[in-house]
Amino acid sequence: MGCSNTGGVSCGGSGFALLVVLFILLIIVGAAFCY
């Protein structure tokens, strides 16, 4: 990746994409626990 762990802001697009993927996984896990 080539970026420091400062929250993903300095990483640019890759950090933002990682946050989006984690958010989607969180929604999927939440939906799984609902059912």
PDB file of N, CA and C in Angstrom:
ATOM      1  N   MET A   1       0.841  -1.201   0.000  1.00  0.00           N
ATOM      2  CA  MET A   1       0.000   0.000   0.000  1.00  0.00           C
ATOM      3  C   MET A   1       0.882   1.259   0.000  1.00  0.00           C
ATOM      4  N   GLY A   2       1.883   1.273   0.877  1.00  0.00           N
ATOM      5  CA  GLY A   2       2.807   2.398   0.919  1.00  0.00           C
ATOM      6  C   GLY A   2       2.248   3.628   1.594  1.00  0.00           C
ATOM      7  N   CYS A   3       1.520   3.430   2.692  1.00  0.00           N
ATOM      8  CA  CYS A   3       1.003   4.576   3.428  1.00  0.00           C
ATOM      9  C   CYS A   3       1.014   4.265   4.922  1.00  0.00           C
ATOM     10  N   SER A   4       1.081   5.315   5.734  1.00  0.00           N
ATOM     11  CA  SER A   4       1.121   5.113   7.179  1.00  0.00           C
ATOM     12  C   SER A   4      -0.287   4.953   7.740  1.00  0.00           C
ATOM     13  N   ASN A   5      -0.403   4.369   8.920  1.00  0.00           N
ATOM     14  CA  ASN A   5      -1.711   4.131   9.536  1.00  0.00           C
ATOM     15  C   ASN A   5      -2.174   5.386  10.290  1.00  0.00           C
ATOM     16  N   THR A   6      -2.660   6.364   9.534  1.00  0.00           N
ATOM     17  CA  THR A   6      -3.110   7.612  10.141  1.00  0.00           C
ATOM     18  C   THR A   6      -4.604   7.821   9.930  1.00  0.00           C
ATOM     19  N   GLY A   7      -5.343   6.730   9.706  1.00  0.00           N
ATOM     20  CA  GLY A   7      -6.781   6.851   9.523  1.00  0.00           C
ATOM     21  C   GLY A   7      -7.217   6.728   8.078  1.00  0.00           C
ATOM     22  N   GLY A   8      -6.272   6.617   7.136  1.00  0.00           N
ATOM     23  CA  GLY A   8      -6.630   6.420   5.741  1.00  0.00           C
ATOM     24  C   GLY A   8      -6.761   7.698   4.946  1.00  0.00           C
ATOM     25  N   VAL A   9      -6.645   8.868   5.606  1.00  0.00           N
ATOM     26  CA  VAL A   9      -6.796  10.128   4.885  1.00  0.00           C
ATOM     27  C   VAL A   9      -5.589  10.369   3.992  1.00  0.00           C
ATOM     28  N   SER A  10      -4.399  10.100   4.516  1.00  0.00           N
ATOM     29  CA  SER A  10      -3.178  10.324   3.747  1.00  0.00           C
ATOM     30  C   SER A  10      -2.970   9.261   2.681  1.00  0.00           C
ATOM     31  N   CYS A  11      -3.723   8.173   2.763  1.00  0.00           N
ATOM     32  CA  CYS A  11      -3.568   7.085   1.805  1.00  0.00           C
ATOM     33  C   CYS A  11      -4.224   7.416   0.477  1.00  0.00           C
ATOM     34  N   GLY A  12      -5.167   8.350   0.464  1.00  0.00           N
ATOM     35  CA  GLY A  12      -5.844   8.708  -0.774  1.00  0.00           C
ATOM     36  C   GLY A  12      -7.026   7.795  -1.040  1.00  0.00           C
ATOM     37  N   GLY A  13      -7.140   7.325  -2.294  1.00  0.00           N
ATOM     38  CA  GLY A  13      -8.289   6.516  -2.692  1.00  0.00           C
ATOM     39  C   GLY A  13      -8.299   5.139  -2.061  1.00  0.00           C
ATOM     40  N   SER A  14      -7.124   4.541  -1.867  1.00  0.00           N
ATOM     41  CA  SER A  14      -7.062   3.180  -1.346  1.00  0.00           C
ATOM     42  C   SER A  14      -7.586   3.126   0.086  1.00  0.00           C
ATOM     43  N   GLY A  15      -7.268   4.135   0.884  1.00  0.00           N
ATOM     44  CA  GLY A  15      -7.740   4.171   2.268  1.00  0.00           C
ATOM     45  C   GLY A  15      -9.248   4.321   2.328  1.00  0.00           C
ATOM     46  N   PHE A  16      -9.795   5.160   1.438  1.00  0.00           N
ATOM     47  CA  PHE A  16     -11.241   5.372   1.404  1.00  0.00           C
ATOM     48  C   PHE A  16     -11.965   4.108   0.965  1.00  0.00           C
ATOM     49  N   ALA A  17     -11.386   3.402  -0.009  1.00  0.00           N
ATOM     50  CA  ALA A  17     -11.985   2.158  -0.486  1.00  0.00           C
ATOM     51  C   ALA A  17     -11.994   1.110   0.620  1.00  0.00           C
ATOM     52  N   LEU A  18     -10.928   1.101   1.435  1.00  0.00           N
ATOM     53  CA  LEU A  18     -10.853   0.149   2.546  1.00  0.00           C
ATOM     54  C   LEU A  18     -11.936   0.445   3.573  1.00  0.00           C
ATOM     55  N   LEU A  19     -12.200   1.727   3.836  1.00  0.00           N
ATOM     56  CA  LEU A  19     -13.253   2.102   4.770  1.00  0.00           C
ATOM     57  C   LEU A  19     -14.622   1.697   4.237  1.00  0.00           C
ATOM     58  N   VAL A  20     -14.824   1.840   2.935  1.00  0.00           N
ATOM     59  CA  VAL A  20     -16.100   1.465   2.320  1.00  0.00           C
ATOM     60  C   VAL A  20     -16.323  -0.041   2.430  1.00  0.00           C
ATOM     61  N   VAL A  21     -15.265  -0.819   2.184  1.00  0.00           N
ATOM     62  CA  VAL A  21     -15.374  -2.277   2.279  1.00  0.00           C
ATOM     63  C   VAL A  21     -15.685  -2.700   3.706  1.00  0.00           C
ATOM     64  N   LEU A  22     -15.026  -2.079   4.686  1.00  0.00           N
ATOM     65  CA  LEU A  22     -15.284  -2.408   6.091  1.00  0.00           C
ATOM     66  C   LEU A  22     -16.713  -2.048   6.475  1.00  0.00           C
ATOM     67  N   PHE A  23     -17.225  -0.931   5.939  1.00  0.00           N
ATOM     68  CA  PHE A  23     -18.589  -0.504   6.236  1.00  0.00           C
ATOM     69  C   PHE A  23     -19.603  -1.485   5.658  1.00  0.00           C
ATOM     70  N   ILE A  24     -19.342  -1.962   4.440  1.00  0.00           N
ATOM     71  CA  ILE A  24     -20.240  -2.930   3.802  1.00  0.00           C
ATOM     72  C   ILE A  24     -20.229  -4.247   4.571  1.00  0.00           C
ATOM     73  N   LEU A  25     -19.049  -4.677   5.020  1.00  0.00           N
ATOM     74  CA  LEU A  25     -18.956  -5.906   5.807  1.00  0.00           C
ATOM     75  C   LEU A  25     -19.714  -5.762   7.117  1.00  0.00           C
ATOM     76  N   LEU A  26     -19.662  -4.567   7.709  1.00  0.00           N
ATOM     77  CA  LEU A  26     -20.375  -4.321   8.955  1.00  0.00           C
ATOM     78  C   LEU A  26     -21.878  -4.438   8.744  1.00  0.00           C
ATOM     79  N   ILE A  27     -22.376  -3.929   7.612  1.00  0.00           N
ATOM     80  CA  ILE A  27     -23.802  -4.019   7.290  1.00  0.00           C
ATOM     81  C   ILE A  27     -24.208  -5.479   7.075  1.00  0.00           C
ATOM     82  N   ILE A  28     -23.351  -6.242   6.377  1.00  0.00           N
ATOM     83  CA  ILE A  28     -23.662  -7.646   6.107  1.00  0.00           C
ATOM     84  C   ILE A  28     -23.718  -8.444   7.404  1.00  0.00           C
ATOM     85  N   VAL A  29     -22.762  -8.206   8.293  1.00  0.00           N
ATOM     86  CA  VAL A  29     -22.740  -8.908   9.584  1.00  0.00           C
ATOM     87  C   VAL A  29     -23.956  -8.517  10.418  1.00  0.00           C
ATOM     88  N   GLY A  30     -24.315  -7.238  10.399  1.00  0.00           N
ATOM     89  CA  GLY A  30     -25.483  -6.772  11.144  1.00  0.00           C
ATOM     90  C   GLY A  30     -26.761  -7.403  10.623  1.00  0.00           C
ATOM     91  N   ALA A  31     -26.873  -7.507   9.292  1.00  0.00           N
ATOM     92  CA  ALA A  31     -28.057  -8.127   8.703  1.00  0.00           C
ATOM     93  C   ALA A  31     -28.111  -9.607   9.034  1.00  0.00           C
ATOM     94  N   ALA A  32     -26.948 -10.263   9.085  1.00  0.00           N
ATOM     95  CA  ALA A  32     -26.901 -11.685   9.402  1.00  0.00           C
ATOM     96  C   ALA A  32     -27.374 -11.936  10.834  1.00  0.00           C
ATOM     97  N   PHE A  33     -27.013 -11.010  11.755  1.00  0.00           N
ATOM     98  CA  PHE A  33     -27.439 -11.174  13.139  1.00  0.00           C
ATOM     99  C   PHE A  33     -28.917 -10.847  13.324  1.00  0.00           C
ATOM    100  N   CYS A  34     -29.462 -10.023  12.422  1.00  0.00           N
ATOM    101  CA  CYS A  34     -30.890  -9.700  12.503  1.00  0.00           C
ATOM    102  C   CYS A  34     -31.729 -10.936  12.172  1.00  0.00           C
ATOM    103  N   TYR A  35     -31.266 -11.726  11.204  1.00  0.00           N
ATOM    104  CA  TYR A  35     -31.979 -12.946  10.838  1.00  0.00           C
ATOM    105  C   TYR A  35     -31.423 -14.111  11.649  1.00  0.00           C
TER     106      TYR A  35
END
